[in-house]
Amino acid sequence: MSSPHDFDFFHGEWTVVNRRRPDFLDAHGSWEEFVGTSRCWPLFDGAANIDEIDLPHLGAKGATLRLFDRETEQWSLNWAASRTGTLFPPVIGRFEGGRGEFYGDDTHDGKDVRVRFAWSDTSPAGARWEQAFSVDDGQTWVTNWTMDFTRPSGTPGH
């Protein structure tokens, strides 16, 4: 069951190895890999947080505001991109069995897409995030971005 402390592991500084497909909808497309850095701050006694990721390879930054809804026991993850100043539609979900899955609807290259964010292998020392898009309402998914988070040397867990 999800709780307001699901993302406590994420507070602090991270080094991030990104792998992404330049074409988010091409399941057979190539991958590019690059490093970034991220920092996350808790809000509302842990029931919310915000992070900023710096992606020098892309010449961009991003931010995510995560909010825990105590009534539904679900999180909303709200992503914003520095290049456009756009706040994208949220993905909503929860953690179960050590894995967080969050779903929402968006558009990409003029096509309606179902979006899935997944968090796994979470600990104070590391975590994995994946993004996948579906153009057939979730019957098939194209994983198009992964991030592997590790703590920089000498940085405490949080």
N, C-alpha and C. Protein backbone atom coordinates (compact mmCIF):
# COMPACT_ATOMS: atom_id res chain seq x y z
N MET A 1 0.84 -1.18 0.00
CA MET A 1 0.00 0.00 0.00
C MET A 1 0.89 1.25 0.00
N SER A 2 0.47 2.24 -0.72
CA SER A 2 1.22 3.49 -0.81
C SER A 2 1.06 4.32 0.46
N SER A 3 2.06 5.15 0.72
CA SER A 3 2.02 6.03 1.89
C SER A 3 2.68 7.36 1.55
N PRO A 4 2.50 8.36 2.42
CA PRO A 4 3.13 9.66 2.19
C PRO A 4 4.66 9.60 2.21
N HIS A 5 5.23 8.46 2.58
CA HIS A 5 6.69 8.36 2.68
C HIS A 5 7.31 7.49 1.59
N ASP A 6 6.55 7.15 0.56
CA ASP A 6 7.05 6.29 -0.52
C ASP A 6 8.30 6.86 -1.19
N PHE A 7 8.39 8.17 -1.29
CA PHE A 7 9.52 8.79 -1.99
C PHE A 7 10.59 9.32 -1.04
N ASP A 8 10.54 8.95 0.24
CA ASP A 8 11.57 9.41 1.18
C ASP A 8 12.97 9.00 0.72
N PHE A 9 13.10 7.83 0.09
CA PHE A 9 14.40 7.37 -0.40
C PHE A 9 15.03 8.37 -1.36
N PHE A 10 14.22 9.19 -2.02
CA PHE A 10 14.66 10.02 -3.13
C PHE A 10 15.21 11.38 -2.70
N HIS A 11 15.00 11.75 -1.45
CA HIS A 11 15.46 13.06 -0.99
C HIS A 11 16.99 13.12 -1.04
N GLY A 12 17.51 14.24 -1.53
CA GLY A 12 18.95 14.44 -1.59
C GLY A 12 19.46 14.54 -3.02
N GLU A 13 20.77 14.33 -3.16
CA GLU A 13 21.46 14.51 -4.44
C GLU A 13 21.73 13.17 -5.10
N TRP A 14 21.71 13.19 -6.45
CA TRP A 14 21.89 11.97 -7.24
C TRP A 14 22.72 12.24 -8.48
N THR A 15 23.44 11.22 -8.91
CA THR A 15 24.00 11.16 -10.26
C THR A 15 23.06 10.26 -11.05
N VAL A 16 22.77 10.65 -12.28
CA VAL A 16 21.75 9.94 -13.05
C VAL A 16 22.31 9.51 -14.41
N VAL A 17 22.28 8.21 -14.68
CA VAL A 17 22.63 7.70 -16.00
C VAL A 17 21.32 7.55 -16.77
N ASN A 18 21.18 8.35 -17.82
CA ASN A 18 19.99 8.36 -18.66
C ASN A 18 20.23 7.52 -19.91
N ARG A 19 19.23 6.76 -20.28
CA ARG A 19 19.19 6.09 -21.59
C ARG A 19 17.84 6.44 -22.19
N ARG A 20 17.86 6.97 -23.42
CA ARG A 20 16.58 7.30 -24.05
C ARG A 20 16.63 7.05 -25.55
N ARG A 21 15.46 6.79 -26.07
CA ARG A 21 15.30 6.66 -27.52
C ARG A 21 15.00 8.05 -28.08
N PRO A 22 15.79 8.52 -29.04
CA PRO A 22 15.48 9.83 -29.62
C PRO A 22 14.07 9.89 -30.21
N ASP A 23 13.58 8.77 -30.76
CA ASP A 23 12.19 8.69 -31.23
C ASP A 23 11.42 7.88 -30.20
N PHE A 24 10.64 8.57 -29.37
CA PHE A 24 9.95 7.93 -28.24
C PHE A 24 8.98 6.83 -28.64
N LEU A 25 8.53 6.80 -29.88
CA LEU A 25 7.53 5.81 -30.28
C LEU A 25 8.10 4.66 -31.10
N ASP A 26 9.41 4.67 -31.37
CA ASP A 26 10.05 3.62 -32.18
C ASP A 26 10.62 2.53 -31.27
N ALA A 27 9.90 1.42 -31.19
CA ALA A 27 10.31 0.32 -30.30
C ALA A 27 11.63 -0.31 -30.70
N HIS A 28 12.05 -0.09 -31.94
CA HIS A 28 13.30 -0.69 -32.42
C HIS A 28 14.38 0.36 -32.65
N GLY A 29 14.10 1.58 -32.22
CA GLY A 29 15.06 2.67 -32.42
C GLY A 29 16.28 2.54 -31.52
N SER A 30 17.28 3.31 -31.86
CA SER A 30 18.53 3.28 -31.11
C SER A 30 18.35 4.00 -29.77
N TRP A 31 19.33 3.80 -28.91
CA TRP A 31 19.36 4.45 -27.61
C TRP A 31 20.55 5.40 -27.56
N GLU A 32 20.41 6.49 -26.83
CA GLU A 32 21.54 7.35 -26.50
C GLU A 32 21.68 7.35 -24.98
N GLU A 33 22.91 7.50 -24.51
CA GLU A 33 23.16 7.49 -23.08
C GLU A 33 23.92 8.75 -22.68
N PHE A 34 23.54 9.33 -21.54
CA PHE A 34 24.18 10.53 -21.05
C PHE A 34 23.94 10.66 -19.55
N VAL A 35 24.78 11.45 -18.91
CA VAL A 35 24.73 11.60 -17.46
C VAL A 35 24.09 12.94 -17.10
N GLY A 36 23.39 12.95 -15.98
CA GLY A 36 22.81 14.17 -15.43
C GLY A 36 22.95 14.16 -13.92
N THR A 37 22.45 15.20 -13.29
CA THR A 37 22.42 15.26 -11.83
C THR A 37 21.03 15.67 -11.40
N SER A 38 20.65 15.24 -10.20
CA SER A 38 19.32 15.53 -9.69
C SER A 38 19.39 15.82 -8.20
N ARG A 39 18.46 16.63 -7.75
CA ARG A 39 18.34 16.92 -6.32
C ARG A 39 16.86 16.99 -5.98
N CYS A 40 16.47 16.37 -4.86
CA CYS A 40 15.08 16.29 -4.44
C CYS A 40 14.91 16.83 -3.03
N TRP A 41 13.84 17.62 -2.81
CA TRP A 41 13.52 18.19 -1.51
C TRP A 41 12.15 17.73 -1.06
N PRO A 42 12.02 17.33 0.22
CA PRO A 42 10.70 16.98 0.73
C PRO A 42 9.87 18.22 1.04
N LEU A 43 8.56 18.08 0.93
CA LEU A 43 7.59 19.11 1.29
C LEU A 43 6.47 18.43 2.09
N PHE A 44 5.69 19.20 2.81
CA PHE A 44 4.51 18.70 3.52
C PHE A 44 4.81 17.48 4.38
N ASP A 45 5.92 17.52 5.11
CA ASP A 45 6.33 16.41 6.00
C ASP A 45 6.43 15.08 5.25
N GLY A 46 6.86 15.12 4.01
CA GLY A 46 7.07 13.91 3.23
C GLY A 46 5.94 13.56 2.28
N ALA A 47 4.77 14.19 2.42
CA ALA A 47 3.62 13.86 1.57
C ALA A 47 3.71 14.56 0.21
N ALA A 48 4.82 15.23 -0.04
CA ALA A 48 5.08 15.86 -1.33
C ALA A 48 6.58 16.05 -1.45
N ASN A 49 7.05 16.20 -2.67
CA ASN A 49 8.45 16.56 -2.89
C ASN A 49 8.59 17.18 -4.26
N ILE A 50 9.72 17.80 -4.46
CA ILE A 50 10.03 18.38 -5.76
C ILE A 50 11.47 18.05 -6.08
N ASP A 51 11.72 17.72 -7.32
CA ASP A 51 13.11 17.51 -7.73
C ASP A 51 13.39 18.30 -8.99
N GLU A 52 14.68 18.60 -9.17
CA GLU A 52 15.14 19.23 -10.40
C GLU A 52 16.26 18.36 -10.95
N ILE A 53 16.17 18.06 -12.23
CA ILE A 53 17.21 17.29 -12.90
C ILE A 53 17.88 18.19 -13.94
N ASP A 54 19.20 18.13 -13.98
CA ASP A 54 20.00 18.90 -14.93
C ASP A 54 20.53 17.92 -15.97
N LEU A 55 20.20 18.18 -17.23
CA LEU A 55 20.58 17.31 -18.34
C LEU A 55 21.43 18.09 -19.33
N PRO A 56 22.72 18.31 -19.02
CA PRO A 56 23.57 19.13 -19.90
C PRO A 56 23.62 18.63 -21.34
N HIS A 57 23.58 17.31 -21.55
CA HIS A 57 23.61 16.74 -22.90
C HIS A 57 22.46 17.28 -23.76
N LEU A 58 21.32 17.51 -23.11
CA LEU A 58 20.14 18.01 -23.84
C LEU A 58 20.02 19.53 -23.74
N GLY A 59 20.91 20.17 -22.95
CA GLY A 59 20.80 21.61 -22.75
C GLY A 59 19.49 21.98 -22.08
N ALA A 60 19.05 21.14 -21.12
CA ALA A 60 17.74 21.33 -20.51
C ALA A 60 17.75 20.89 -19.05
N LYS A 61 16.72 21.32 -18.36
CA LYS A 61 16.44 20.88 -17.01
C LYS A 61 14.98 20.48 -16.95
N GLY A 62 14.66 19.71 -15.93
CA GLY A 62 13.27 19.34 -15.71
C GLY A 62 12.99 19.34 -14.23
N ALA A 63 11.72 19.39 -13.89
CA ALA A 63 11.31 19.35 -12.49
C ALA A 63 10.07 18.50 -12.37
N THR A 64 9.99 17.78 -11.25
CA THR A 64 8.81 16.99 -10.95
C THR A 64 8.29 17.38 -9.58
N LEU A 65 7.00 17.67 -9.51
CA LEU A 65 6.31 17.87 -8.24
C LEU A 65 5.48 16.62 -8.01
N ARG A 66 5.73 15.96 -6.87
CA ARG A 66 4.97 14.76 -6.49
C ARG A 66 4.09 15.10 -5.29
N LEU A 67 2.83 14.73 -5.38
CA LEU A 67 1.86 15.02 -4.32
C LEU A 67 1.12 13.75 -3.94
N PHE A 68 1.06 13.46 -2.64
CA PHE A 68 0.33 12.28 -2.16
C PHE A 68 -1.07 12.70 -1.74
N ASP A 69 -2.08 12.05 -2.31
CA ASP A 69 -3.47 12.28 -1.98
C ASP A 69 -3.84 11.30 -0.88
N ARG A 70 -4.03 11.80 0.34
CA ARG A 70 -4.28 10.93 1.49
C ARG A 70 -5.62 10.20 1.37
N GLU A 71 -6.57 10.77 0.66
CA GLU A 71 -7.88 10.15 0.52
C GLU A 71 -7.83 8.93 -0.40
N THR A 72 -7.16 9.07 -1.55
CA THR A 72 -7.10 7.97 -2.52
C THR A 72 -5.87 7.10 -2.33
N GLU A 73 -4.92 7.58 -1.48
CA GLU A 73 -3.63 6.91 -1.28
C GLU A 73 -2.89 6.71 -2.61
N GLN A 74 -2.97 7.75 -3.44
CA GLN A 74 -2.25 7.75 -4.72
C GLN A 74 -1.40 9.01 -4.83
N TRP A 75 -0.35 8.86 -5.63
CA TRP A 75 0.53 9.98 -5.94
C TRP A 75 0.19 10.54 -7.31
N SER A 76 0.31 11.86 -7.44
CA SER A 76 0.33 12.48 -8.77
C SER A 76 1.74 13.00 -9.00
N LEU A 77 2.29 12.68 -10.16
CA LEU A 77 3.63 13.11 -10.55
C LEU A 77 3.47 14.10 -11.70
N ASN A 78 3.95 15.31 -11.49
CA ASN A 78 3.72 16.42 -12.41
C ASN A 78 5.06 16.92 -12.93
N TRP A 79 5.33 16.70 -14.20
CA TRP A 79 6.62 16.98 -14.84
C TRP A 79 6.55 18.30 -15.59
N ALA A 80 7.61 19.10 -15.45
CA ALA A 80 7.74 20.35 -16.20
C ALA A 80 9.11 20.37 -16.87
N ALA A 81 9.15 20.93 -18.08
CA ALA A 81 10.38 20.97 -18.87
C ALA A 81 10.85 22.42 -19.03
N SER A 82 12.16 22.64 -18.84
CA SER A 82 12.70 24.00 -18.92
C SER A 82 12.69 24.54 -20.35
N ARG A 83 12.87 23.67 -21.32
CA ARG A 83 12.93 24.15 -22.72
C ARG A 83 11.66 24.86 -23.15
N THR A 84 10.51 24.32 -22.71
CA THR A 84 9.23 24.85 -23.17
C THR A 84 8.48 25.60 -22.08
N GLY A 85 8.85 25.37 -20.81
CA GLY A 85 8.07 25.95 -19.72
C GLY A 85 6.72 25.27 -19.57
N THR A 86 6.61 24.07 -20.11
CA THR A 86 5.35 23.34 -20.11
C THR A 86 5.23 22.44 -18.89
N LEU A 87 4.05 22.44 -18.27
CA LEU A 87 3.71 21.48 -17.24
C LEU A 87 2.88 20.40 -17.93
N PHE A 88 3.41 19.19 -17.97
CA PHE A 88 2.74 18.10 -18.67
C PHE A 88 1.62 17.52 -17.82
N PRO A 89 0.66 16.84 -18.43
CA PRO A 89 -0.41 16.21 -17.64
C PRO A 89 0.19 15.22 -16.63
N PRO A 90 -0.40 15.14 -15.44
CA PRO A 90 0.17 14.26 -14.41
C PRO A 90 -0.02 12.78 -14.74
N VAL A 91 0.85 11.98 -14.14
CA VAL A 91 0.64 10.53 -14.09
C VAL A 91 0.29 10.22 -12.64
N ILE A 92 -0.62 9.28 -12.45
CA ILE A 92 -1.17 9.00 -11.13
C ILE A 92 -1.06 7.51 -10.83
N GLY A 93 -0.67 7.19 -9.60
CA GLY A 93 -0.58 5.79 -9.23
C GLY A 93 -0.05 5.61 -7.83
N ARG A 94 0.49 4.42 -7.57
CA ARG A 94 0.92 4.08 -6.22
C ARG A 94 2.02 3.04 -6.25
N PHE A 95 2.62 2.83 -5.08
CA PHE A 95 3.59 1.77 -4.87
C PHE A 95 2.88 0.53 -4.34
N GLU A 96 3.23 -0.61 -4.89
CA GLU A 96 2.76 -1.90 -4.39
C GLU A 96 3.88 -2.89 -4.58
N GLY A 97 4.20 -3.64 -3.53
CA GLY A 97 5.24 -4.65 -3.63
C GLY A 97 6.60 -4.09 -4.03
N GLY A 98 6.91 -2.88 -3.59
CA GLY A 98 8.22 -2.29 -3.87
C GLY A 98 8.35 -1.64 -5.23
N ARG A 99 7.28 -1.60 -6.01
CA ARG A 99 7.30 -0.99 -7.35
C ARG A 99 6.21 0.07 -7.42
N GLY A 100 6.57 1.23 -7.95
CA GLY A 100 5.59 2.29 -8.16
C GLY A 100 5.24 2.38 -9.63
N GLU A 101 3.94 2.37 -9.93
CA GLU A 101 3.48 2.54 -11.32
C GLU A 101 2.48 3.68 -11.36
N PHE A 102 2.67 4.55 -12.36
CA PHE A 102 1.91 5.79 -12.47
C PHE A 102 1.51 5.97 -13.94
N TYR A 103 0.23 6.27 -14.18
CA TYR A 103 -0.30 6.32 -15.54
C TYR A 103 -1.00 7.64 -15.81
N GLY A 104 -0.96 8.05 -17.07
CA GLY A 104 -1.65 9.25 -17.49
C GLY A 104 -1.80 9.28 -19.00
N ASP A 105 -2.44 10.32 -19.48
CA ASP A 105 -2.66 10.51 -20.91
C ASP A 105 -2.01 11.80 -21.36
N ASP A 106 -1.43 11.76 -22.57
CA ASP A 106 -0.74 12.92 -23.11
C ASP A 106 -0.77 12.81 -24.63
N THR A 107 -0.06 13.70 -25.30
CA THR A 107 0.15 13.59 -26.74
C THR A 107 1.65 13.67 -27.00
N HIS A 108 2.08 12.99 -28.06
CA HIS A 108 3.47 13.07 -28.48
C HIS A 108 3.49 13.04 -30.00
N ASP A 109 4.15 14.02 -30.60
CA ASP A 109 4.19 14.15 -32.07
C ASP A 109 2.79 14.07 -32.67
N GLY A 110 1.82 14.72 -32.01
CA GLY A 110 0.46 14.78 -32.52
C GLY A 110 -0.37 13.53 -32.30
N LYS A 111 0.18 12.53 -31.63
CA LYS A 111 -0.55 11.29 -31.37
C LYS A 111 -0.93 11.22 -29.89
N ASP A 112 -2.13 10.71 -29.63
CA ASP A 112 -2.52 10.45 -28.24
C ASP A 112 -1.70 9.29 -27.72
N VAL A 113 -1.15 9.44 -26.52
CA VAL A 113 -0.36 8.37 -25.91
C VAL A 113 -0.81 8.16 -24.47
N ARG A 114 -0.75 6.92 -24.06
CA ARG A 114 -0.88 6.55 -22.65
C ARG A 114 0.55 6.55 -22.13
N VAL A 115 0.78 7.14 -20.95
CA VAL A 115 2.12 7.28 -20.39
C VAL A 115 2.20 6.44 -19.12
N ARG A 116 3.33 5.76 -18.96
CA ARG A 116 3.58 5.00 -17.73
C ARG A 116 4.95 5.38 -17.18
N PHE A 117 5.00 5.78 -15.92
CA PHE A 117 6.26 5.94 -15.19
C PHE A 117 6.32 4.77 -14.22
N ALA A 118 7.50 4.17 -14.09
CA ALA A 118 7.68 3.08 -13.13
C ALA A 118 8.94 3.34 -12.31
N TRP A 119 8.82 3.19 -11.00
CA TRP A 119 9.95 3.28 -10.07
C TRP A 119 10.20 1.90 -9.50
N SER A 120 11.47 1.46 -9.50
CA SER A 120 11.81 0.14 -8.96
C SER A 120 13.20 0.20 -8.34
N ASP A 121 13.55 -0.87 -7.64
CA ASP A 121 14.88 -0.98 -7.01
C ASP A 121 15.21 0.25 -6.17
N THR A 122 14.22 0.75 -5.44
CA THR A 122 14.42 1.98 -4.68
C THR A 122 15.07 1.70 -3.33
N SER A 123 16.06 2.53 -3.01
CA SER A 123 16.75 2.48 -1.72
C SER A 123 17.41 3.83 -1.52
N PRO A 124 17.91 4.11 -0.31
CA PRO A 124 18.63 5.37 -0.12
C PRO A 124 19.89 5.49 -1.00
N ALA A 125 20.38 4.36 -1.54
CA ALA A 125 21.62 4.39 -2.34
C ALA A 125 21.37 4.38 -3.85
N GLY A 126 20.16 4.03 -4.29
CA GLY A 126 19.91 3.94 -5.72
C GLY A 126 18.45 3.72 -6.05
N ALA A 127 18.12 3.92 -7.31
CA ALA A 127 16.75 3.71 -7.79
C ALA A 127 16.76 3.67 -9.31
N ARG A 128 15.68 3.12 -9.86
CA ARG A 128 15.52 3.08 -11.31
C ARG A 128 14.15 3.64 -11.65
N TRP A 129 14.13 4.50 -12.69
CA TRP A 129 12.90 5.07 -13.22
C TRP A 129 12.81 4.72 -14.70
N GLU A 130 11.61 4.40 -15.16
CA GLU A 130 11.38 4.12 -16.58
C GLU A 130 10.15 4.87 -17.05
N GLN A 131 10.21 5.31 -18.29
CA GLN A 131 9.06 5.91 -18.95
C GLN A 131 8.72 5.05 -20.17
N ALA A 132 7.43 4.80 -20.37
CA ALA A 132 6.98 4.07 -21.55
C ALA A 132 5.73 4.75 -22.10
N PHE A 133 5.57 4.67 -23.42
CA PHE A 133 4.39 5.21 -24.10
C PHE A 133 3.65 4.07 -24.79
N SER A 134 2.33 4.21 -24.84
CA SER A 134 1.49 3.27 -25.58
C SER A 134 0.57 4.07 -26.49
N VAL A 135 0.45 3.64 -27.74
CA VAL A 135 -0.47 4.28 -28.67
C VAL A 135 -1.73 3.43 -28.87
N ASP A 136 -1.81 2.28 -28.15
CA ASP A 136 -2.98 1.40 -28.27
C ASP A 136 -3.65 1.18 -26.91
N ASP A 137 -3.71 2.26 -26.12
CA ASP A 137 -4.39 2.28 -24.82
C ASP A 137 -3.85 1.23 -23.85
N GLY A 138 -2.53 1.04 -23.87
CA GLY A 138 -1.90 0.17 -22.89
C GLY A 138 -1.78 -1.29 -23.25
N GLN A 139 -2.14 -1.66 -24.47
CA GLN A 139 -1.98 -3.06 -24.86
C GLN A 139 -0.52 -3.39 -25.11
N THR A 140 0.22 -2.46 -25.71
CA THR A 140 1.66 -2.61 -25.90
C THR A 140 2.34 -1.31 -25.47
N TRP A 141 3.57 -1.44 -25.00
CA TRP A 141 4.32 -0.30 -24.49
C TRP A 141 5.68 -0.22 -25.15
N VAL A 142 6.14 1.01 -25.38
CA VAL A 142 7.50 1.26 -25.85
C VAL A 142 8.22 1.98 -24.71
N THR A 143 9.15 1.28 -24.07
CA THR A 143 9.99 1.95 -23.07
C THR A 143 10.93 2.86 -23.83
N ASN A 144 10.89 4.16 -23.50
CA ASN A 144 11.67 5.13 -24.28
C ASN A 144 12.65 5.95 -23.45
N TRP A 145 12.64 5.76 -22.13
CA TRP A 145 13.60 6.49 -21.31
C TRP A 145 13.78 5.72 -20.01
N THR A 146 15.03 5.54 -19.59
CA THR A 146 15.31 4.97 -18.28
C THR A 146 16.32 5.88 -17.59
N MET A 147 16.24 5.91 -16.27
CA MET A 147 17.21 6.65 -15.46
C MET A 147 17.63 5.75 -14.31
N ASP A 148 18.93 5.60 -14.14
CA ASP A 148 19.48 4.87 -13.01
C ASP A 148 20.14 5.89 -12.10
N PHE A 149 19.63 5.99 -10.88
CA PHE A 149 20.06 6.97 -9.89
C PHE A 149 21.03 6.34 -8.91
N THR A 150 22.17 7.00 -8.67
CA THR A 150 23.11 6.60 -7.62
C THR A 150 23.56 7.85 -6.89
N ARG A 151 23.95 7.66 -5.64
CA ARG A 151 24.43 8.80 -4.85
C ARG A 151 25.84 9.17 -5.28
N PRO A 152 26.13 10.47 -5.40
CA PRO A 152 27.52 10.86 -5.67
C PRO A 152 28.41 10.41 -4.52
N SER A 153 29.66 10.16 -4.79
CA SER A 153 30.62 9.73 -3.75
C SER A 153 30.61 10.70 -2.58
N GLY A 154 30.56 10.13 -1.39
CA GLY A 154 30.63 10.93 -0.18
C GLY A 154 29.33 11.62 0.20
N THR A 155 28.23 11.36 -0.53
CA THR A 155 26.96 11.99 -0.21
C THR A 155 26.13 11.05 0.66
N PRO A 156 25.62 11.53 1.80
CA PRO A 156 24.77 10.68 2.63
C PRO A 156 23.43 10.39 1.94
N GLY A 157 22.78 9.32 2.34
CA GLY A 157 21.51 8.90 1.75
C GLY A 157 20.44 9.97 1.78
N HIS A 158 20.24 10.64 2.90
CA HIS A 158 19.33 11.78 2.99
C HIS A 158 19.29 12.34 4.37
